[in-house]
Amino acid sequence: MQALIYNQEGKETGKIELPKEIFGLPNNTDLIHQVAVSMSANRRAGTAHTKFRGEVRGGGRKPWKQKGTGRARHGSSRSPIWIGGGVTHGPRVERIWKKKINRKMAAKALLTALSGKFRAGEILWLKELSVSGGKTKLMQTVLVNLARALNWPRLVSSKKPQTFIVLPEKNTEILRATRNLLVAESMLVANLNVLDVLNRKYLIFVNPEKILTLLNSKLRRSNKVGVPTKTSGK
């Protein structure tokens, strides 16, 4: 499995050998769905909270006597059928939304999602990325060059973020340059997860050798054997 490597001008500079253990996995929608749902649930704040009739203030006195008024009998104005009363079957903060996912499942789901992106032609390998001064305008120029080279019009024309620029390590200038971009965001490969892959159309990996080394570490952490990376330049 090979992929082309591009420079900032959108020109091919070489090829990289991709491991099948990362980018050649078969589709597994059940696993990806299970991990994505668990991650979404674990991020859920669960701050919505309603009070039962016993927790609402007031309502200690019987509104009116039981018989002789011609009205329906009531014992408290804090009943759920009264305005200002308690809430029946409402959300409570005691509910735990978290779902447990094994480390192996999370790692394999991420690699499976990356394999799907690779098959769809939505991953770009960038040899290096340099934005002097962290200028957003320079970053926009780089994205325009890459969009033309790969025929990715949505890379620069979308009205919402469509791309993750994945970095092997923290780069203050790149992070600053993408801060005000509407179409792209930057992140570290160590923080990449299934939801990030699913929520973005394109992935741009900067510095392929380091990226593959870090992805191999995910394989090792999931009790699998890492694979070597091979690159060939022009």
C-alpha atoms as a PDB file:
ATOM      1  CA  MET A   1       0.000   0.000   0.000  1.00  0.00           C
ATOM      2  CA  GLN A   2       1.458   3.287  -1.119  1.00  0.00           C
ATOM      3  CA  ALA A   3       0.389   6.902  -0.901  1.00  0.00           C
ATOM      4  CA  LEU A   4       1.723  10.080  -2.466  1.00  0.00           C
ATOM      5  CA  ILE A   5       3.466  12.743  -0.427  1.00  0.00           C
ATOM      6  CA  TYR A   6       2.882  16.405  -1.279  1.00  0.00           C
ATOM      7  CA  ASN A   7       4.564  19.663  -0.389  1.00  0.00           C
ATOM      8  CA  GLN A   8       2.948  22.970   0.523  1.00  0.00           C
ATOM      9  CA  GLU A   9       2.692  23.981  -3.146  1.00  0.00           C
ATOM     10  CA  GLY A  10       0.600  20.907  -3.912  1.00  0.00           C
ATOM     11  CA  LYS A  11       3.358  19.100  -5.849  1.00  0.00           C
ATOM     12  CA  GLU A  12       4.265  15.447  -5.454  1.00  0.00           C
ATOM     13  CA  THR A  13       7.560  14.895  -3.668  1.00  0.00           C
ATOM     14  CA  GLY A  14       7.599  11.130  -3.149  1.00  0.00           C
ATOM     15  CA  LYS A  15       5.739   8.093  -1.919  1.00  0.00           C
ATOM     16  CA  ILE A  16       5.241   6.414   1.402  1.00  0.00           C
ATOM     17  CA  GLU A  17       4.602   2.768   2.182  1.00  0.00           C
ATOM     18  CA  LEU A  18       1.567   2.439   4.439  1.00  0.00           C
ATOM     19  CA  PRO A  19       1.105  -0.523   6.783  1.00  0.00           C
ATOM     20  CA  LYS A  20      -1.950  -2.673   6.140  1.00  0.00           C
ATOM     21  CA  GLU A  21      -2.408  -3.040   9.894  1.00  0.00           C
ATOM     22  CA  ILE A  22      -3.409   0.631  10.009  1.00  0.00           C
ATOM     23  CA  PHE A  23      -4.762   1.594   6.590  1.00  0.00           C
ATOM     24  CA  GLY A  24      -5.838  -1.780   5.208  1.00  0.00           C
ATOM     25  CA  LEU A  25      -8.398  -2.947   7.754  1.00  0.00           C
ATOM     26  CA  PRO A  26     -11.850  -4.039   6.520  1.00  0.00           C
ATOM     27  CA  ASN A  27     -14.875  -1.951   7.342  1.00  0.00           C
ATOM     28  CA  ASN A  28     -16.486  -2.618  10.730  1.00  0.00           C
ATOM     29  CA  THR A  29     -19.402  -0.249  11.183  1.00  0.00           C
ATOM     30  CA  ASP A  30     -20.650  -2.004  14.316  1.00  0.00           C
ATOM     31  CA  LEU A  31     -17.377  -1.457  16.164  1.00  0.00           C
ATOM     32  CA  ILE A  32     -17.055   2.159  15.002  1.00  0.00           C
ATOM     33  CA  HIS A  33     -20.642   2.887  16.037  1.00  0.00           C
ATOM     34  CA  GLN A  34     -20.180   1.319  19.464  1.00  0.00           C
ATOM     35  CA  VAL A  35     -17.018   3.299  20.188  1.00  0.00           C
ATOM     36  CA  ALA A  36     -18.458   6.548  18.813  1.00  0.00           C
ATOM     37  CA  VAL A  37     -21.602   6.214  20.934  1.00  0.00           C
ATOM     38  CA  SER A  38     -19.564   5.489  24.057  1.00  0.00           C
ATOM     39  CA  MET A  39     -17.318   8.517  23.474  1.00  0.00           C
ATOM     40  CA  SER A  40     -20.336  10.775  22.921  1.00  0.00           C
ATOM     41  CA  ALA A  41     -21.946   9.442  26.092  1.00  0.00           C
ATOM     42  CA  ASN A  42     -18.767   9.957  28.111  1.00  0.00           C
ATOM     43  CA  ARG A  43     -18.645  13.590  26.981  1.00  0.00           C
ATOM     44  CA  ARG A  44     -22.220  14.185  28.052  1.00  0.00           C
ATOM     45  CA  ALA A  45     -22.406  16.608  30.950  1.00  0.00           C
ATOM     46  CA  GLY A  46     -25.795  15.478  32.286  1.00  0.00           C
ATOM     47  CA  THR A  47     -26.503  18.787  34.011  1.00  0.00           C
ATOM     48  CA  ALA A  48     -30.273  18.815  33.360  1.00  0.00           C
ATOM     49  CA  HIS A  49     -32.110  18.194  36.627  1.00  0.00           C
ATOM     50  CA  THR A  50     -35.770  18.320  37.653  1.00  0.00           C
ATOM     51  CA  LYS A  51     -37.339  18.083  41.108  1.00  0.00           C
ATOM     52  CA  PHE A  52     -39.844  15.551  42.343  1.00  0.00           C
ATOM     53  CA  ARG A  53     -42.950  16.717  44.175  1.00  0.00           C
ATOM     54  CA  GLY A  54     -41.217  16.086  47.465  1.00  0.00           C
ATOM     55  CA  GLU A  55     -38.357  18.428  46.544  1.00  0.00           C
ATOM     56  CA  VAL A  56     -40.393  21.408  45.338  1.00  0.00           C
ATOM     57  CA  ARG A  57     -40.833  24.227  47.809  1.00  0.00           C
ATOM     58  CA  GLY A  58     -44.268  24.774  49.362  1.00  0.00           C
ATOM     59  CA  GLY A  59     -47.435  22.740  49.157  1.00  0.00           C
ATOM     60  CA  GLY A  60     -47.557  21.744  52.802  1.00  0.00           C
ATOM     61  CA  ARG A  61     -51.208  22.650  53.299  1.00  0.00           C
ATOM     62  CA  LYS A  62     -54.110  20.913  51.601  1.00  0.00           C
ATOM     63  CA  PRO A  63     -55.438  23.374  48.959  1.00  0.00           C
ATOM     64  CA  TRP A  64     -59.078  22.905  50.024  1.00  0.00           C
ATOM     65  CA  LYS A  65     -61.143  20.463  51.985  1.00  0.00           C
ATOM     66  CA  GLN A  66     -61.749  16.991  50.616  1.00  0.00           C
ATOM     67  CA  LYS A  67     -65.504  17.212  50.116  1.00  0.00           C
ATOM     68  CA  GLY A  68     -68.269  19.743  49.558  1.00  0.00           C
ATOM     69  CA  THR A  69     -66.533  22.206  47.225  1.00  0.00           C
ATOM     70  CA  GLY A  70     -67.535  20.609  43.925  1.00  0.00           C
ATOM     71  CA  ARG A  71     -63.927  20.576  42.814  1.00  0.00           C
ATOM     72  CA  ALA A  72     -61.561  17.676  42.380  1.00  0.00           C
ATOM     73  CA  ARG A  73     -59.815  16.464  45.501  1.00  0.00           C
ATOM     74  CA  HIS A  74     -56.170  17.488  45.932  1.00  0.00           C
ATOM     75  CA  GLY A  75     -53.711  16.960  48.710  1.00  0.00           C
ATOM     76  CA  SER A  76     -50.927  19.326  47.650  1.00  0.00           C
ATOM     77  CA  SER A  77     -50.363  22.166  45.196  1.00  0.00           C
ATOM     78  CA  ARG A  78     -46.944  20.635  44.430  1.00  0.00           C
ATOM     79  CA  SER A  79     -48.539  17.711  42.584  1.00  0.00           C
ATOM     80  CA  PRO A  80     -47.098  17.108  39.080  1.00  0.00           C
ATOM     81  CA  ILE A  81     -50.452  18.087  37.516  1.00  0.00           C
ATOM     82  CA  TRP A  82     -50.274  21.558  39.108  1.00  0.00           C
ATOM     83  CA  ILE A  83     -48.391  24.522  37.672  1.00  0.00           C
ATOM     84  CA  GLY A  84     -45.237  24.934  39.715  1.00  0.00           C
ATOM     85  CA  GLY A  85     -45.440  21.385  40.973  1.00  0.00           C
ATOM     86  CA  GLY A  86     -42.934  18.601  40.714  1.00  0.00           C
ATOM     87  CA  VAL A  87     -41.893  16.909  37.476  1.00  0.00           C
ATOM     88  CA  THR A  88     -42.610  13.272  36.718  1.00  0.00           C
ATOM     89  CA  HIS A  89     -39.977  11.203  34.875  1.00  0.00           C
ATOM     90  CA  GLY A  90     -37.781  14.248  34.234  1.00  0.00           C
ATOM     91  CA  PRO A  91     -33.970  14.240  33.808  1.00  0.00           C
ATOM     92  CA  ARG A  92     -31.931  13.765  36.972  1.00  0.00           C
ATOM     93  CA  VAL A  93     -28.244  14.361  37.635  1.00  0.00           C
ATOM     94  CA  GLU A  94     -28.004  10.987  39.358  1.00  0.00           C
ATOM     95  CA  ARG A  95     -28.148   9.235  35.991  1.00  0.00           C
ATOM     96  CA  ILE A  96     -24.771   7.982  34.789  1.00  0.00           C
ATOM     97  CA  TRP A  97     -24.327   8.201  31.021  1.00  0.00           C
ATOM     98  CA  LYS A  98     -20.811   6.777  30.796  1.00  0.00           C
ATOM     99  CA  LYS A  99     -20.172   3.638  28.772  1.00  0.00           C
ATOM    100  CA  LYS A 100     -17.046   1.527  29.173  1.00  0.00           C
ATOM    101  CA  ILE A 101     -14.980   0.737  26.100  1.00  0.00           C
ATOM    102  CA  ASN A 102     -11.863  -1.415  26.156  1.00  0.00           C
ATOM    103  CA  ARG A 103      -8.597   0.100  24.968  1.00  0.00           C
ATOM    104  CA  LYS A 104      -8.270  -2.506  22.228  1.00  0.00           C
ATOM    105  CA  MET A 105     -11.708  -1.671  20.862  1.00  0.00           C
ATOM    106  CA  ALA A 106     -11.025   2.076  20.843  1.00  0.00           C
ATOM    107  CA  ALA A 107      -7.676   1.617  19.074  1.00  0.00           C
ATOM    108  CA  LYS A 108      -9.067  -0.769  16.467  1.00  0.00           C
ATOM    109  CA  ALA A 109     -12.065   1.482  15.820  1.00  0.00           C
ATOM    110  CA  LEU A 110      -9.729   4.414  15.134  1.00  0.00           C
ATOM    111  CA  LEU A 111      -7.584   2.381  12.748  1.00  0.00           C
ATOM    112  CA  THR A 112     -10.687   1.022  11.002  1.00  0.00           C
ATOM    113  CA  ALA A 113     -11.989   4.556  10.516  1.00  0.00           C
ATOM    114  CA  LEU A 114      -8.607   5.642   9.130  1.00  0.00           C
ATOM    115  CA  SER A 115      -8.676   2.695   6.720  1.00  0.00           C
ATOM    116  CA  GLY A 116     -12.072   3.832   5.476  1.00  0.00           C
ATOM    117  CA  LYS A 117     -10.791   7.370   4.968  1.00  0.00           C
ATOM    118  CA  PHE A 118      -7.812   6.053   3.023  1.00  0.00           C
ATOM    119  CA  ARG A 119      -9.993   3.939   0.729  1.00  0.00           C
ATOM    120  CA  ALA A 120     -12.214   6.964   0.091  1.00  0.00           C
ATOM    121  CA  GLY A 121      -9.191   9.058  -0.898  1.00  0.00           C
ATOM    122  CA  GLU A 122      -9.738  11.575   1.899  1.00  0.00           C
ATOM    123  CA  ILE A 123      -6.261  11.465   3.484  1.00  0.00           C
ATOM    124  CA  LEU A 124      -3.401  13.673   2.333  1.00  0.00           C
ATOM    125  CA  TRP A 125       0.224  13.221   3.336  1.00  0.00           C
ATOM    126  CA  LEU A 126       2.128  16.495   3.646  1.00  0.00           C
ATOM    127  CA  LYS A 127       5.917  16.280   3.804  1.00  0.00           C
ATOM    128  CA  GLU A 128       6.211  19.325   6.024  1.00  0.00           C
ATOM    129  CA  LEU A 129       4.246  22.422   6.934  1.00  0.00           C
ATOM    130  CA  SER A 130       5.824  25.760   7.711  1.00  0.00           C
ATOM    131  CA  VAL A 131       3.815  28.913   8.357  1.00  0.00           C
ATOM    132  CA  SER A 132       6.160  31.727   9.313  1.00  0.00           C
ATOM    133  CA  GLY A 133       4.740  34.014  11.938  1.00  0.00           C
ATOM    134  CA  GLY A 134       1.612  31.890  12.283  1.00  0.00           C
ATOM    135  CA  LYS A 135      -0.152  33.881   9.552  1.00  0.00           C
ATOM    136  CA  THR A 136      -3.652  32.671   8.729  1.00  0.00           C
ATOM    137  CA  LYS A 137      -3.345  34.031   5.190  1.00  0.00           C
ATOM    138  CA  LEU A 138      -0.339  31.798   4.513  1.00  0.00           C
ATOM    139  CA  MET A 139      -2.207  28.763   5.820  1.00  0.00           C
ATOM    140  CA  GLN A 140      -5.132  29.598   3.569  1.00  0.00           C
ATOM    141  CA  THR A 141      -2.765  29.702   0.595  1.00  0.00           C
ATOM    142  CA  VAL A 142      -1.428  26.245   1.467  1.00  0.00           C
ATOM    143  CA  LEU A 143      -4.955  24.830   1.635  1.00  0.00           C
ATOM    144  CA  VAL A 144      -5.834  26.371  -1.732  1.00  0.00           C
ATOM    145  CA  ASN A 145      -2.769  24.734  -3.314  1.00  0.00           C
ATOM    146  CA  LEU A 146      -3.651  21.343  -1.857  1.00  0.00           C
ATOM    147  CA  ALA A 147      -7.317  21.639  -2.848  1.00  0.00           C
ATOM    148  CA  ARG A 148      -6.326  22.270  -6.463  1.00  0.00           C
ATOM    149  CA  ALA A 149      -3.780  19.440  -6.523  1.00  0.00           C
ATOM    150  CA  LEU A 150      -6.172  16.799  -5.158  1.00  0.00           C
ATOM    151  CA  ASN A 151      -9.420  18.230  -6.535  1.00  0.00           C
ATOM    152  CA  TRP A 152     -10.851  18.786  -3.071  1.00  0.00           C
ATOM    153  CA  PRO A 153     -13.046  21.893  -3.561  1.00  0.00           C
ATOM    154  CA  ARG A 154     -14.724  21.480  -0.175  1.00  0.00           C
ATOM    155  CA  LEU A 155     -11.344  21.903   1.476  1.00  0.00           C
ATOM    156  CA  VAL A 156     -11.541  25.673   0.981  1.00  0.00           C
ATOM    157  CA  SER A 157     -15.150  26.391   0.006  1.00  0.00           C
ATOM    158  CA  SER A 158     -17.036  24.923   2.955  1.00  0.00           C
ATOM    159  CA  LYS A 159     -18.785  27.153   5.495  1.00  0.00           C
ATOM    160  CA  LYS A 160     -17.851  24.866   8.383  1.00  0.00           C
ATOM    161  CA  PRO A 161     -14.710  22.925   9.365  1.00  0.00           C
ATOM    162  CA  GLN A 162     -14.153  20.045   6.959  1.00  0.00           C
ATOM    163  CA  THR A 163     -10.479  19.270   7.600  1.00  0.00           C
ATOM    164  CA  PHE A 164      -8.218  18.265  10.449  1.00  0.00           C
ATOM    165  CA  ILE A 165      -4.538  19.122  10.058  1.00  0.00           C
ATOM    166  CA  VAL A 166      -2.948  16.374  12.151  1.00  0.00           C
ATOM    167  CA  LEU A 167       0.456  17.201  13.650  1.00  0.00           C
ATOM    168  CA  PRO A 168       2.973  14.779  15.189  1.00  0.00           C
ATOM    169  CA  GLU A 169       3.919  17.321  17.851  1.00  0.00           C
ATOM    170  CA  LYS A 170       2.859  20.743  19.063  1.00  0.00           C
ATOM    171  CA  ASN A 171       3.635  23.604  16.682  1.00  0.00           C
ATOM    172  CA  THR A 172       2.634  27.008  17.983  1.00  0.00           C
ATOM    173  CA  GLU A 173       2.784  28.724  14.594  1.00  0.00           C
ATOM    174  CA  ILE A 174       0.519  26.184  12.897  1.00  0.00           C
ATOM    175  CA  LEU A 175      -1.933  26.207  15.781  1.00  0.00           C
ATOM    176  CA  ARG A 176      -2.065  30.004  15.619  1.00  0.00           C
ATOM    177  CA  ALA A 177      -2.443  30.031  11.821  1.00  0.00           C
ATOM    178  CA  THR A 178      -5.442  27.692  11.892  1.00  0.00           C
ATOM    179  CA  ARG A 179      -7.129  29.324  14.880  1.00  0.00           C
ATOM    180  CA  ASN A 180      -9.147  31.743  12.735  1.00  0.00           C
ATOM    181  CA  LEU A 181      -9.692  29.435   9.768  1.00  0.00           C
ATOM    182  CA  LEU A 182     -13.287  28.582   9.029  1.00  0.00           C
ATOM    183  CA  VAL A 183     -12.601  25.441   6.993  1.00  0.00           C
ATOM    184  CA  ALA A 184      -9.844  23.668   8.944  1.00  0.00           C
ATOM    185  CA  GLU A 185      -8.575  22.938  12.446  1.00  0.00           C
ATOM    186  CA  SER A 186      -5.300  21.514  13.732  1.00  0.00           C
ATOM    187  CA  MET A 187      -4.716  18.860  16.355  1.00  0.00           C
ATOM    188  CA  LEU A 188      -2.081  16.426  17.603  1.00  0.00           C
ATOM    189  CA  VAL A 189      -2.104  12.845  16.360  1.00  0.00           C
ATOM    190  CA  ALA A 190      -1.953  11.669  19.994  1.00  0.00           C
ATOM    191  CA  ASN A 191      -5.420  13.187  20.505  1.00  0.00           C
ATOM    192  CA  LEU A 192      -6.941  11.746  17.321  1.00  0.00           C
ATOM    193  CA  ASN A 193     -10.006   9.586  17.934  1.00  0.00           C
ATOM    194  CA  VAL A 194     -12.938   8.025  16.099  1.00  0.00           C
ATOM    195  CA  LEU A 195     -15.239  11.031  16.502  1.00  0.00           C
ATOM    196  CA  ASP A 196     -12.624  13.342  14.995  1.00  0.00           C
ATOM    197  CA  VAL A 197     -12.236  11.076  11.957  1.00  0.00           C
ATOM    198  CA  LEU A 198     -15.989  10.755  11.466  1.00  0.00           C
ATOM    199  CA  ASN A 199     -16.760  14.449  11.958  1.00  0.00           C
ATOM    200  CA  ARG A 200     -14.311  15.726   9.324  1.00  0.00           C
ATOM    201  CA  LYS A 201     -14.273  15.144   5.592  1.00  0.00           C
ATOM    202  CA  TYR A 202     -10.497  15.325   5.081  1.00  0.00           C
ATOM    203  CA  LEU A 203      -7.386  14.538   7.110  1.00  0.00           C
ATOM    204  CA  ILE A 204      -4.013  16.127   6.370  1.00  0.00           C
ATOM    205  CA  PHE A 205      -1.122  14.309   8.045  1.00  0.00           C
ATOM    206  CA  VAL A 206       2.007  16.428   8.444  1.00  0.00           C
ATOM    207  CA  ASN A 207       5.414  14.698   8.517  1.00  0.00           C
ATOM    208  CA  PRO A 208       4.411  11.141   7.453  1.00  0.00           C
ATOM    209  CA  GLU A 209       7.295   9.299   9.108  1.00  0.00           C
ATOM    210  CA  LYS A 210       6.567  10.669  12.587  1.00  0.00           C
ATOM    211  CA  ILE A 211       2.816  10.244  12.135  1.00  0.00           C
ATOM    212  CA  LEU A 212       3.179   6.560  11.264  1.00  0.00           C
ATOM    213  CA  THR A 213       5.555   6.035  14.180  1.00  0.00           C
ATOM    214  CA  LEU A 214       2.977   7.453  16.582  1.00  0.00           C
ATOM    215  CA  LEU A 215       0.161   5.441  15.023  1.00  0.00           C
ATOM    216  CA  ASN A 216       2.307   2.325  15.427  1.00  0.00           C
ATOM    217  CA  SER A 217       2.550   3.107  19.114  1.00  0.00           C
ATOM    218  CA  LYS A 218      -1.241   2.886  19.248  1.00  0.00           C
ATOM    219  CA  LEU A 219      -0.931  -0.602  17.801  1.00  0.00           C
ATOM    220  CA  ARG A 220       1.592  -1.589  20.435  1.00  0.00           C
ATOM    221  CA  ARG A 221      -0.584  -0.202  23.212  1.00  0.00           C
ATOM    222  CA  SER A 222      -3.435  -2.352  21.942  1.00  0.00           C
ATOM    223  CA  ASN A 223      -1.206  -5.476  22.231  1.00  0.00           C
ATOM    224  CA  LYS A 224      -0.435  -5.673  18.548  1.00  0.00           C
ATOM    225  CA  VAL A 225       2.879  -5.661  16.786  1.00  0.00           C
ATOM    226  CA  GLY A 226       4.034  -2.402  15.253  1.00  0.00           C
ATOM    227  CA  VAL A 227       5.080  -2.297  11.602  1.00  0.00           C
ATOM    228  CA  PRO A 228       8.007  -0.463   9.975  1.00  0.00           C
ATOM    229  CA  THR A 229       7.490   2.514   7.684  1.00  0.00           C
ATOM    230  CA  LYS A 230       9.146   2.959   4.306  1.00  0.00           C
ATOM    231  CA  THR A 231       9.383   6.149   2.316  1.00  0.00           C
ATOM    232  CA  SER A 232      10.842   7.004  -1.049  1.00  0.00           C
ATOM    233  CA  GLY A 233      11.520  10.550  -2.174  1.00  0.00           C
ATOM    234  CA  LYS A 234      12.096  12.210  -5.480  1.00  0.00           C
END
